[in-house]
Amino acid sequence: MTNINGKAYAMNAITPMRAWKSPILRLIFWLAPLFGLTDLKNLSFIHFARWVIVPHDKFPWLGGKQPRESVQSDYMLFFSNFNGTWNQYIDAFSAVLSKGLNYFWCWSDKFPGSVPVTGFKKYIARVQFDTDFYYNPYPYAATNDVKAAHRVQAALDDFAAKSANMTEQQFAEAYLHFLIRVQNDLGALGPAPEGT
């Protein structure tokens, strides 16, 4: 269902909407930050999520022999990268962000709502498309791995500063405490297990 680049998965979806609905959705997108996006930010396995509206009369045209697009609907594009499986991602979106998803996607044709999750998953499976390439600054690390690395570095810096003048016994004790402090943040980098 998704593409894999190390621990990150990409999911993209295109949904048609009637052209008269686009201005309303643009207003909702514009107002959304005023109401806060803390729920999305709290889902730390989501690297990013972005919605874009392409009006029916603004499809790219390269000129020359390429025919101009002749479509009646505007299209909403959704792009996201995340770590975890496709099912976990959709489940989390449905459980935590159902109200926001409904505000954004209710304008799209045949959107069943984000709850119950079964209908939402079927809808997403129908409108998503494969992603061949996308940018990932840390190919074998998920968002949580990067946060963990920062915590390990901060703890190591603290340990180094405090251990400069310790005896061997004090150093051994402090080192053990350091390892206990960071043990949950010492994960392995590399490709995530495959799953849907």
N, C-alpha and C. Protein backbone atom coordinates (compact mmCIF):
# COMPACT_ATOMS: atom_id res chain seq x y z
N MET A 1 0.81 -1.20 0.00
CA MET A 1 0.00 0.00 0.00
C MET A 1 0.86 1.26 0.00
N THR A 2 2.09 1.17 0.47
CA THR A 2 2.94 2.35 0.54
C THR A 2 4.31 2.00 -0.01
N ASN A 3 5.11 3.01 -0.18
CA ASN A 3 6.48 2.80 -0.62
C ASN A 3 7.40 2.94 0.57
N ILE A 4 8.54 2.30 0.50
CA ILE A 4 9.44 2.27 1.63
C ILE A 4 10.75 2.96 1.27
N ASN A 5 11.20 3.83 2.13
CA ASN A 5 12.52 4.43 2.01
C ASN A 5 13.10 4.39 3.41
N GLY A 6 13.79 3.32 3.74
CA GLY A 6 14.26 3.17 5.10
C GLY A 6 13.08 2.94 6.00
N LYS A 7 12.92 3.78 7.00
CA LYS A 7 11.82 3.62 7.94
C LYS A 7 10.62 4.49 7.59
N ALA A 8 10.73 5.29 6.57
CA ALA A 8 9.64 6.20 6.22
C ALA A 8 8.80 5.64 5.08
N TYR A 9 7.52 5.82 5.17
CA TYR A 9 6.58 5.39 4.15
C TYR A 9 5.93 6.64 3.57
N ALA A 10 5.67 6.62 2.28
CA ALA A 10 4.99 7.75 1.64
C ALA A 10 3.58 7.33 1.25
N MET A 11 2.65 8.22 1.48
CA MET A 11 1.28 7.99 1.03
C MET A 11 0.77 9.26 0.37
N ASN A 12 0.20 9.12 -0.79
CA ASN A 12 -0.35 10.26 -1.50
C ASN A 12 -1.73 9.89 -2.02
N ALA A 13 -2.62 10.85 -2.01
CA ALA A 13 -3.98 10.60 -2.47
C ALA A 13 -4.46 11.79 -3.29
N ILE A 14 -5.28 11.51 -4.28
CA ILE A 14 -5.92 12.55 -5.10
C ILE A 14 -7.41 12.33 -5.05
N THR A 15 -8.14 13.38 -4.68
CA THR A 15 -9.60 13.26 -4.61
C THR A 15 -10.25 14.41 -5.39
N PRO A 16 -11.23 14.08 -6.22
CA PRO A 16 -11.93 15.12 -6.97
C PRO A 16 -12.96 15.83 -6.08
N MET A 17 -13.23 17.07 -6.43
CA MET A 17 -14.26 17.86 -5.73
C MET A 17 -14.89 18.83 -6.72
N ARG A 18 -16.11 19.17 -6.48
CA ARG A 18 -16.78 20.14 -7.35
C ARG A 18 -16.10 21.50 -7.20
N ALA A 19 -15.94 22.19 -8.32
CA ALA A 19 -15.17 23.44 -8.34
C ALA A 19 -15.72 24.49 -7.38
N TRP A 20 -17.02 24.55 -7.16
CA TRP A 20 -17.59 25.57 -6.27
C TRP A 20 -17.20 25.34 -4.82
N LYS A 21 -16.74 24.12 -4.48
CA LYS A 21 -16.36 23.82 -3.10
C LYS A 21 -14.95 24.28 -2.75
N SER A 22 -14.10 24.44 -3.75
CA SER A 22 -12.70 24.77 -3.49
C SER A 22 -12.50 26.06 -2.69
N PRO A 23 -13.21 27.15 -2.99
CA PRO A 23 -13.00 28.36 -2.18
C PRO A 23 -13.33 28.15 -0.70
N ILE A 24 -14.33 27.34 -0.42
CA ILE A 24 -14.68 27.06 0.97
C ILE A 24 -13.56 26.29 1.64
N LEU A 25 -13.04 25.28 0.94
CA LEU A 25 -11.95 24.49 1.51
C LEU A 25 -10.68 25.32 1.67
N ARG A 26 -10.40 26.21 0.73
CA ARG A 26 -9.24 27.10 0.87
C ARG A 26 -9.37 27.95 2.13
N LEU A 27 -10.57 28.43 2.41
CA LEU A 27 -10.80 29.21 3.62
C LEU A 27 -10.56 28.36 4.87
N ILE A 28 -11.02 27.12 4.84
CA ILE A 28 -10.80 26.20 5.97
C ILE A 28 -9.30 25.96 6.17
N PHE A 29 -8.56 25.74 5.08
CA PHE A 29 -7.10 25.57 5.18
C PHE A 29 -6.45 26.82 5.77
N TRP A 30 -6.92 27.97 5.35
CA TRP A 30 -6.34 29.23 5.81
C TRP A 30 -6.63 29.43 7.30
N LEU A 31 -7.81 29.06 7.75
CA LEU A 31 -8.19 29.24 9.16
C LEU A 31 -7.67 28.14 10.08
N ALA A 32 -7.32 27.00 9.54
CA ALA A 32 -6.92 25.85 10.36
C ALA A 32 -5.80 26.17 11.37
N PRO A 33 -4.74 26.88 10.97
CA PRO A 33 -3.69 27.17 11.96
C PRO A 33 -4.17 28.02 13.14
N LEU A 34 -5.20 28.82 12.92
CA LEU A 34 -5.72 29.65 14.00
C LEU A 34 -6.36 28.81 15.11
N PHE A 35 -6.82 27.62 14.74
CA PHE A 35 -7.46 26.74 15.71
C PHE A 35 -6.49 25.71 16.27
N GLY A 36 -5.24 25.77 15.83
CA GLY A 36 -4.20 24.87 16.34
C GLY A 36 -4.22 23.52 15.67
N LEU A 37 -3.03 22.97 15.47
CA LEU A 37 -2.88 21.65 14.88
C LEU A 37 -2.14 20.74 15.85
N THR A 38 -2.40 20.91 17.15
CA THR A 38 -1.64 20.17 18.15
C THR A 38 -1.87 18.67 18.04
N ASP A 39 -3.06 18.25 17.63
CA ASP A 39 -3.30 16.81 17.51
C ASP A 39 -2.39 16.19 16.47
N LEU A 40 -2.21 16.85 15.33
CA LEU A 40 -1.33 16.34 14.29
C LEU A 40 0.12 16.37 14.77
N LYS A 41 0.51 17.43 15.45
CA LYS A 41 1.88 17.53 15.94
C LYS A 41 2.17 16.49 17.00
N ASN A 42 1.16 16.08 17.76
CA ASN A 42 1.36 15.08 18.80
C ASN A 42 1.54 13.67 18.25
N LEU A 43 1.16 13.45 17.01
CA LEU A 43 1.38 12.14 16.38
C LEU A 43 2.80 12.14 15.81
N SER A 44 3.77 11.81 16.65
CA SER A 44 5.17 12.01 16.27
C SER A 44 5.65 11.06 15.18
N PHE A 45 4.89 10.03 14.85
CA PHE A 45 5.32 9.15 13.78
C PHE A 45 4.98 9.72 12.41
N ILE A 46 4.24 10.81 12.37
CA ILE A 46 3.93 11.48 11.10
C ILE A 46 5.00 12.53 10.84
N HIS A 47 5.73 12.37 9.75
CA HIS A 47 6.78 13.33 9.42
C HIS A 47 6.16 14.63 8.91
N PHE A 48 5.19 14.52 8.04
CA PHE A 48 4.43 15.68 7.61
C PHE A 48 3.16 15.21 6.92
N ALA A 49 2.21 16.12 6.85
CA ALA A 49 0.97 15.89 6.10
C ALA A 49 0.61 17.22 5.44
N ARG A 50 0.30 17.16 4.16
CA ARG A 50 0.02 18.41 3.41
C ARG A 50 -1.12 18.18 2.43
N TRP A 51 -2.02 19.16 2.38
CA TRP A 51 -3.12 19.16 1.42
C TRP A 51 -2.90 20.30 0.44
N VAL A 52 -3.18 20.06 -0.84
CA VAL A 52 -3.05 21.06 -1.89
C VAL A 52 -4.27 20.95 -2.80
N ILE A 53 -4.80 22.09 -3.21
CA ILE A 53 -5.94 22.09 -4.14
C ILE A 53 -5.45 22.55 -5.51
N VAL A 54 -5.78 21.77 -6.55
CA VAL A 54 -5.45 22.14 -7.92
C VAL A 54 -6.77 22.44 -8.64
N PRO A 55 -7.01 23.71 -9.00
CA PRO A 55 -8.25 24.04 -9.70
C PRO A 55 -8.32 23.37 -11.08
N HIS A 56 -9.54 23.10 -11.54
CA HIS A 56 -9.74 22.40 -12.81
C HIS A 56 -9.14 23.14 -14.00
N ASP A 57 -9.01 24.46 -13.90
CA ASP A 57 -8.47 25.24 -15.01
C ASP A 57 -7.01 25.64 -14.81
N LYS A 58 -6.34 25.06 -13.83
CA LYS A 58 -4.94 25.42 -13.54
C LYS A 58 -4.00 24.22 -13.60
N PHE A 59 -4.41 23.15 -14.27
CA PHE A 59 -3.52 22.01 -14.41
C PHE A 59 -2.30 22.42 -15.22
N PRO A 60 -1.12 21.91 -14.86
CA PRO A 60 0.10 22.29 -15.60
C PRO A 60 0.00 21.93 -17.08
N TRP A 61 0.48 22.82 -17.90
CA TRP A 61 0.52 22.60 -19.34
C TRP A 61 1.90 23.00 -19.83
N LEU A 62 2.61 22.07 -20.46
CA LEU A 62 3.97 22.32 -20.90
C LEU A 62 4.06 22.91 -22.29
N GLY A 63 2.92 23.06 -22.93
CA GLY A 63 2.90 23.64 -24.26
C GLY A 63 3.18 22.60 -25.32
N GLY A 64 3.39 23.08 -26.52
CA GLY A 64 3.72 22.19 -27.62
C GLY A 64 2.62 21.20 -27.92
N LYS A 65 3.01 19.93 -28.02
CA LYS A 65 2.06 18.90 -28.42
C LYS A 65 1.24 18.34 -27.26
N GLN A 66 1.55 18.77 -26.05
CA GLN A 66 0.76 18.27 -24.92
C GLN A 66 -0.64 18.87 -24.98
N PRO A 67 -1.67 18.03 -24.99
CA PRO A 67 -3.03 18.58 -25.00
C PRO A 67 -3.35 19.22 -23.64
N ARG A 68 -4.14 20.28 -23.70
CA ARG A 68 -4.57 20.90 -22.44
C ARG A 68 -5.58 19.99 -21.75
N GLU A 69 -5.53 20.00 -20.42
CA GLU A 69 -6.47 19.20 -19.64
C GLU A 69 -7.87 19.80 -19.77
N SER A 70 -8.84 18.94 -19.85
CA SER A 70 -10.22 19.38 -19.89
C SER A 70 -11.00 18.60 -18.83
N VAL A 71 -10.94 19.10 -17.61
CA VAL A 71 -11.62 18.43 -16.50
C VAL A 71 -12.63 19.38 -15.87
N GLN A 72 -13.65 18.81 -15.29
CA GLN A 72 -14.71 19.61 -14.67
C GLN A 72 -14.45 19.81 -13.17
N SER A 73 -13.75 18.87 -12.55
CA SER A 73 -13.56 18.90 -11.10
C SER A 73 -12.23 19.54 -10.73
N ASP A 74 -12.21 20.16 -9.57
CA ASP A 74 -10.95 20.52 -8.94
C ASP A 74 -10.45 19.26 -8.24
N TYR A 75 -9.17 19.25 -7.88
CA TYR A 75 -8.61 18.08 -7.21
C TYR A 75 -7.86 18.49 -5.96
N MET A 76 -8.09 17.72 -4.89
CA MET A 76 -7.32 17.91 -3.68
C MET A 76 -6.27 16.81 -3.63
N LEU A 77 -5.01 17.24 -3.43
CA LEU A 77 -3.91 16.29 -3.31
C LEU A 77 -3.48 16.24 -1.86
N PHE A 78 -3.25 15.04 -1.36
CA PHE A 78 -2.78 14.84 0.01
C PHE A 78 -1.46 14.11 -0.05
N PHE A 79 -0.45 14.65 0.63
CA PHE A 79 0.88 14.05 0.67
C PHE A 79 1.27 13.84 2.12
N SER A 80 1.88 12.70 2.41
CA SER A 80 2.34 12.45 3.78
C SER A 80 3.45 11.42 3.80
N ASN A 81 4.36 11.57 4.75
CA ASN A 81 5.38 10.57 5.07
C ASN A 81 5.20 10.22 6.53
N PHE A 82 5.43 8.96 6.87
CA PHE A 82 5.25 8.53 8.25
C PHE A 82 6.05 7.26 8.48
N ASN A 83 6.26 6.93 9.73
CA ASN A 83 6.84 5.63 10.03
C ASN A 83 5.78 4.80 10.74
N GLY A 84 5.84 3.52 10.50
CA GLY A 84 4.79 2.60 10.94
C GLY A 84 4.13 2.00 9.72
N THR A 85 3.12 1.22 9.92
CA THR A 85 2.45 0.59 8.78
C THR A 85 1.31 1.47 8.29
N TRP A 86 0.84 1.15 7.10
CA TRP A 86 -0.29 1.88 6.51
C TRP A 86 -1.51 1.79 7.42
N ASN A 87 -1.81 0.60 7.93
CA ASN A 87 -2.97 0.43 8.81
C ASN A 87 -2.84 1.26 10.08
N GLN A 88 -1.66 1.26 10.68
CA GLN A 88 -1.46 2.07 11.90
C GLN A 88 -1.68 3.55 11.61
N TYR A 89 -1.19 3.99 10.47
CA TYR A 89 -1.31 5.40 10.09
C TYR A 89 -2.77 5.80 9.92
N ILE A 90 -3.51 5.00 9.15
CA ILE A 90 -4.91 5.33 8.91
C ILE A 90 -5.71 5.21 10.21
N ASP A 91 -5.43 4.19 11.01
CA ASP A 91 -6.11 4.04 12.30
C ASP A 91 -5.88 5.26 13.19
N ALA A 92 -4.64 5.73 13.26
CA ALA A 92 -4.32 6.89 14.10
C ALA A 92 -4.99 8.15 13.57
N PHE A 93 -4.96 8.35 12.26
CA PHE A 93 -5.64 9.51 11.69
C PHE A 93 -7.12 9.47 12.03
N SER A 94 -7.73 8.32 11.88
CA SER A 94 -9.17 8.18 12.15
C SER A 94 -9.49 8.40 13.63
N ALA A 95 -8.66 7.85 14.51
CA ALA A 95 -8.93 7.93 15.94
C ALA A 95 -8.65 9.31 16.52
N VAL A 96 -7.56 9.93 16.10
CA VAL A 96 -7.11 11.18 16.72
C VAL A 96 -7.57 12.41 15.95
N LEU A 97 -7.61 12.32 14.64
CA LEU A 97 -7.87 13.52 13.82
C LEU A 97 -9.17 13.42 13.02
N SER A 98 -10.10 12.61 13.45
CA SER A 98 -11.30 12.39 12.63
C SER A 98 -12.06 13.69 12.34
N LYS A 99 -12.18 14.56 13.31
CA LYS A 99 -12.91 15.81 13.09
C LYS A 99 -12.21 16.67 12.04
N GLY A 100 -10.89 16.82 12.16
CA GLY A 100 -10.13 17.62 11.19
C GLY A 100 -10.15 17.01 9.81
N LEU A 101 -10.03 15.68 9.73
CA LEU A 101 -10.08 15.01 8.43
C LEU A 101 -11.43 15.24 7.78
N ASN A 102 -12.48 15.18 8.55
CA ASN A 102 -13.81 15.40 7.99
C ASN A 102 -13.96 16.83 7.48
N TYR A 103 -13.39 17.81 8.19
CA TYR A 103 -13.45 19.20 7.71
C TYR A 103 -12.74 19.34 6.36
N PHE A 104 -11.59 18.66 6.21
CA PHE A 104 -10.81 18.78 4.99
C PHE A 104 -11.37 17.95 3.85
N TRP A 105 -11.73 16.71 4.13
CA TRP A 105 -12.07 15.79 3.06
C TRP A 105 -13.57 15.73 2.76
N CYS A 106 -14.40 16.29 3.58
CA CYS A 106 -15.85 16.18 3.31
C CYS A 106 -16.23 16.86 2.01
N TRP A 107 -15.38 17.72 1.49
CA TRP A 107 -15.66 18.41 0.24
C TRP A 107 -15.37 17.54 -0.97
N SER A 108 -14.63 16.46 -0.77
CA SER A 108 -14.27 15.56 -1.87
C SER A 108 -15.43 14.62 -2.20
N ASP A 109 -15.52 14.28 -3.47
CA ASP A 109 -16.59 13.39 -3.92
C ASP A 109 -16.50 12.03 -3.25
N LYS A 110 -17.63 11.53 -2.79
CA LYS A 110 -17.78 10.18 -2.23
C LYS A 110 -16.97 9.92 -0.97
N PHE A 111 -16.58 10.98 -0.25
CA PHE A 111 -15.87 10.78 1.01
C PHE A 111 -16.84 10.22 2.04
N PRO A 112 -16.54 9.04 2.64
CA PRO A 112 -17.48 8.40 3.55
C PRO A 112 -17.39 8.89 4.98
N GLY A 113 -16.43 9.73 5.28
CA GLY A 113 -16.16 10.13 6.66
C GLY A 113 -14.99 9.31 7.18
N SER A 114 -14.32 9.83 8.21
CA SER A 114 -13.13 9.14 8.73
C SER A 114 -13.47 8.12 9.81
N VAL A 115 -14.73 8.11 10.24
CA VAL A 115 -15.20 7.13 11.21
C VAL A 115 -16.53 6.60 10.69
N PRO A 116 -16.74 5.29 10.65
CA PRO A 116 -15.85 4.22 11.09
C PRO A 116 -14.67 4.07 10.15
N VAL A 117 -13.60 3.50 10.70
CA VAL A 117 -12.33 3.46 9.99
C VAL A 117 -12.36 2.54 8.77
N THR A 118 -13.19 1.52 8.75
CA THR A 118 -13.20 0.58 7.63
C THR A 118 -13.55 1.28 6.32
N GLY A 119 -14.60 2.08 6.32
CA GLY A 119 -14.97 2.83 5.12
C GLY A 119 -13.91 3.83 4.72
N PHE A 120 -13.29 4.46 5.71
CA PHE A 120 -12.23 5.43 5.45
C PHE A 120 -11.03 4.74 4.79
N LYS A 121 -10.66 3.56 5.28
CA LYS A 121 -9.54 2.82 4.69
C LYS A 121 -9.84 2.43 3.25
N LYS A 122 -11.05 2.00 2.98
CA LYS A 122 -11.41 1.63 1.61
C LYS A 122 -11.33 2.85 0.70
N TYR A 123 -11.78 3.98 1.18
CA TYR A 123 -11.73 5.21 0.40
C TYR A 123 -10.28 5.60 0.08
N ILE A 124 -9.43 5.61 1.10
CA ILE A 124 -8.03 5.98 0.91
C ILE A 124 -7.35 5.01 -0.05
N ALA A 125 -7.62 3.72 0.09
CA ALA A 125 -7.02 2.73 -0.80
C ALA A 125 -7.41 2.99 -2.26
N ARG A 126 -8.62 3.49 -2.49
CA ARG A 126 -9.07 3.77 -3.86
C ARG A 126 -8.44 5.03 -4.44
N VAL A 127 -8.15 6.02 -3.61
CA VAL A 127 -7.71 7.32 -4.14
C VAL A 127 -6.21 7.55 -4.01
N GLN A 128 -5.49 6.64 -3.38
CA GLN A 128 -4.05 6.86 -3.23
C GLN A 128 -3.29 6.35 -4.45
N PHE A 129 -2.07 6.84 -4.60
CA PHE A 129 -1.23 6.41 -5.71
C PHE A 129 0.19 6.23 -5.20
N ASP A 130 0.95 5.42 -5.93
CA ASP A 130 2.32 5.12 -5.52
C ASP A 130 3.23 6.33 -5.68
N THR A 131 4.23 6.39 -4.83
CA THR A 131 5.23 7.43 -4.87
C THR A 131 6.57 6.77 -5.18
N ASP A 132 7.19 7.18 -6.26
CA ASP A 132 8.46 6.58 -6.64
C ASP A 132 9.64 7.21 -5.90
N PHE A 133 9.61 8.52 -5.69
CA PHE A 133 10.70 9.22 -5.04
C PHE A 133 10.16 10.30 -4.12
N TYR A 134 10.85 10.49 -3.01
CA TYR A 134 10.56 11.62 -2.14
C TYR A 134 11.79 11.89 -1.28
N TYR A 135 11.87 13.08 -0.75
CA TYR A 135 13.04 13.49 0.03
C TYR A 135 12.92 12.98 1.46
N ASN A 136 14.02 12.42 1.95
CA ASN A 136 14.08 11.97 3.33
C ASN A 136 15.49 12.28 3.83
N PRO A 137 15.65 13.25 4.73
CA PRO A 137 17.00 13.64 5.16
C PRO A 137 17.72 12.55 5.97
N TYR A 138 16.96 11.64 6.59
CA TYR A 138 17.55 10.56 7.39
C TYR A 138 16.95 9.24 6.91
N PRO A 139 17.47 8.66 5.82
CA PRO A 139 16.82 7.51 5.19
C PRO A 139 16.58 6.31 6.09
N TYR A 140 17.43 6.07 7.06
CA TYR A 140 17.24 4.90 7.91
C TYR A 140 16.81 5.28 9.32
N ALA A 141 16.24 6.45 9.47
CA ALA A 141 15.78 6.89 10.79
C ALA A 141 14.39 7.48 10.68
N ALA A 142 13.56 7.12 11.60
CA ALA A 142 12.23 7.70 11.70
C ALA A 142 12.31 8.96 12.55
N THR A 143 11.23 9.71 12.62
CA THR A 143 11.19 10.93 13.42
C THR A 143 11.57 10.65 14.86
N ASN A 144 11.05 9.57 15.41
CA ASN A 144 11.35 9.23 16.80
C ASN A 144 12.82 8.87 16.99
N ASP A 145 13.46 8.29 15.97
CA ASP A 145 14.90 7.98 16.05
C ASP A 145 15.72 9.26 16.14
N VAL A 146 15.35 10.28 15.38
CA VAL A 146 16.08 11.55 15.41
C VAL A 146 15.91 12.22 16.77
N LYS A 147 14.70 12.21 17.31
CA LYS A 147 14.47 12.78 18.64
C LYS A 147 15.28 12.02 19.69
N ALA A 148 15.32 10.68 19.57
CA ALA A 148 16.09 9.87 20.51
C ALA A 148 17.58 10.19 20.42
N ALA A 149 18.08 10.39 19.21
CA ALA A 149 19.49 10.73 19.03
C ALA A 149 19.83 12.05 19.71
N HIS A 150 18.94 13.02 19.66
CA HIS A 150 19.17 14.29 20.35
C HIS A 150 19.21 14.10 21.86
N ARG A 151 18.34 13.24 22.38
CA ARG A 151 18.35 12.97 23.83
C ARG A 151 19.65 12.27 24.23
N VAL A 152 20.12 11.32 23.43
CA VAL A 152 21.37 10.62 23.74
C VAL A 152 22.54 11.60 23.71
N GLN A 153 22.57 12.47 22.71
CA GLN A 153 23.67 13.44 22.61
C GLN A 153 23.67 14.38 23.80
N ALA A 154 22.50 14.86 24.22
CA ALA A 154 22.42 15.76 25.38
C ALA A 154 22.89 15.03 26.65
N ALA A 155 22.48 13.78 26.81
CA ALA A 155 22.90 13.01 27.99
C ALA A 155 24.40 12.75 27.96
N LEU A 156 24.95 12.47 26.77
CA LEU A 156 26.40 12.24 26.64
C LEU A 156 27.18 13.50 26.95
N ASP A 157 26.71 14.64 26.45
CA ASP A 157 27.38 15.91 26.75
C ASP A 157 27.38 16.18 28.25
N ASP A 158 26.24 15.92 28.89
CA ASP A 158 26.11 16.11 30.34
C ASP A 158 27.07 15.17 31.08
N PHE A 159 27.10 13.90 30.67
CA PHE A 159 27.99 12.92 31.29
C PHE A 159 29.45 13.32 31.13
N ALA A 160 29.84 13.75 29.94
CA ALA A 160 31.23 14.14 29.67
C ALA A 160 31.64 15.32 30.55
N ALA A 161 30.76 16.29 30.70
CA ALA A 161 31.08 17.47 31.51
C ALA A 161 31.24 17.10 32.99
N LYS A 162 30.40 16.21 33.48
CA LYS A 162 30.42 15.86 34.90
C LYS A 162 31.50 14.84 35.25
N SER A 163 31.98 14.09 34.26
CA SER A 163 32.91 13.00 34.57
C SER A 163 34.38 13.36 34.42
N ALA A 164 34.67 14.58 34.10
CA ALA A 164 36.06 14.97 33.82
C ALA A 164 37.00 14.72 34.99
N ASN A 165 36.58 14.93 36.21
CA ASN A 165 37.46 14.80 37.36
C ASN A 165 37.04 13.67 38.30
N MET A 166 36.38 12.66 37.79
CA MET A 166 35.91 11.56 38.63
C MET A 166 37.00 10.51 38.84
N THR A 167 36.88 9.80 39.95
CA THR A 167 37.73 8.64 40.17
C THR A 167 37.21 7.51 39.30
N GLU A 168 37.98 6.40 39.24
CA GLU A 168 37.54 5.27 38.43
C GLU A 168 36.20 4.73 38.92
N GLN A 169 36.04 4.62 40.22
CA GLN A 169 34.79 4.10 40.79
C GLN A 169 33.62 5.05 40.49
N GLN A 170 33.82 6.33 40.67
CA GLN A 170 32.77 7.31 40.37
C GLN A 170 32.40 7.28 38.89
N PHE A 171 33.45 7.16 38.05
CA PHE A 171 33.21 7.12 36.60
C PHE A 171 32.38 5.89 36.24
N ALA A 172 32.73 4.73 36.80
CA ALA A 172 31.99 3.50 36.52
C ALA A 172 30.53 3.64 36.92
N GLU A 173 30.27 4.22 38.09
CA GLU A 173 28.89 4.43 38.54
C GLU A 173 28.15 5.41 37.63
N ALA A 174 28.81 6.52 37.31
CA ALA A 174 28.19 7.54 36.46
C ALA A 174 27.92 6.99 35.06
N TYR A 175 28.84 6.16 34.55
CA TYR A 175 28.66 5.56 33.23
C TYR A 175 27.46 4.62 33.22
N LEU A 176 27.32 3.83 34.27
CA LEU A 176 26.17 2.93 34.40
C LEU A 176 24.87 3.73 34.44
N HIS A 177 24.85 4.81 35.18
CA HIS A 177 23.65 5.67 35.24
C HIS A 177 23.36 6.30 33.88
N PHE A 178 24.43 6.70 33.19
CA PHE A 178 24.26 7.26 31.84
C PHE A 178 23.61 6.22 30.91
N LEU A 179 24.12 4.98 30.93
CA LEU A 179 23.56 3.94 30.07
C LEU A 179 22.10 3.64 30.41
N ILE A 180 21.79 3.60 31.69
CA ILE A 180 20.40 3.37 32.10
C ILE A 180 19.52 4.51 31.62
N ARG A 181 20.04 5.73 31.72
CA ARG A 181 19.28 6.92 31.30
C ARG A 181 18.93 6.90 29.82
N VAL A 182 19.86 6.41 28.98
CA VAL A 182 19.65 6.49 27.53
C VAL A 182 19.26 5.16 26.89
N GLN A 183 19.13 4.10 27.66
CA GLN A 183 18.92 2.78 27.05
C GLN A 183 17.68 2.70 26.18
N ASN A 184 16.60 3.40 26.52
CA ASN A 184 15.40 3.36 25.69
C ASN A 184 15.55 4.14 24.39
N ASP A 185 16.59 4.96 24.31
CA ASP A 185 16.82 5.75 23.10
C ASP A 185 17.89 5.15 22.20
N LEU A 186 18.43 4.00 22.56
CA LEU A 186 19.47 3.36 21.75
C LEU A 186 18.83 2.32 20.83
N GLY A 187 18.16 2.77 19.82
CA GLY A 187 17.52 1.87 18.86
C GLY A 187 18.43 1.60 17.68
N ALA A 188 18.01 0.70 16.85
CA ALA A 188 18.77 0.37 15.65
C ALA A 188 18.22 1.11 14.45
N LEU A 189 19.11 1.67 13.66
CA LEU A 189 18.69 2.31 12.42
C LEU A 189 18.64 1.25 11.33
N GLY A 190 17.89 1.54 10.30
CA GLY A 190 17.79 0.61 9.18
C GLY A 190 16.37 0.50 8.72
N PRO A 191 16.14 -0.31 7.69
CA PRO A 191 14.78 -0.45 7.16
C PRO A 191 13.82 -0.98 8.21
N ALA A 192 12.62 -0.47 8.19
CA ALA A 192 11.57 -0.93 9.09
C ALA A 192 11.03 -2.25 8.57
N PRO A 193 10.46 -3.05 9.45
CA PRO A 193 9.82 -4.29 8.96
C PRO A 193 8.66 -3.95 8.04
N GLU A 194 8.50 -4.74 7.00
CA GLU A 194 7.42 -4.49 6.06
C GLU A 194 6.11 -4.95 6.65
N GLY A 195 5.06 -4.27 6.29
CA GLY A 195 3.72 -4.64 6.74
C GLY A 195 2.72 -3.65 6.23
N THR A 196 1.47 -4.02 6.23
CA THR A 196 0.43 -3.09 5.80
C THR A 196 -0.53 -2.83 6.91
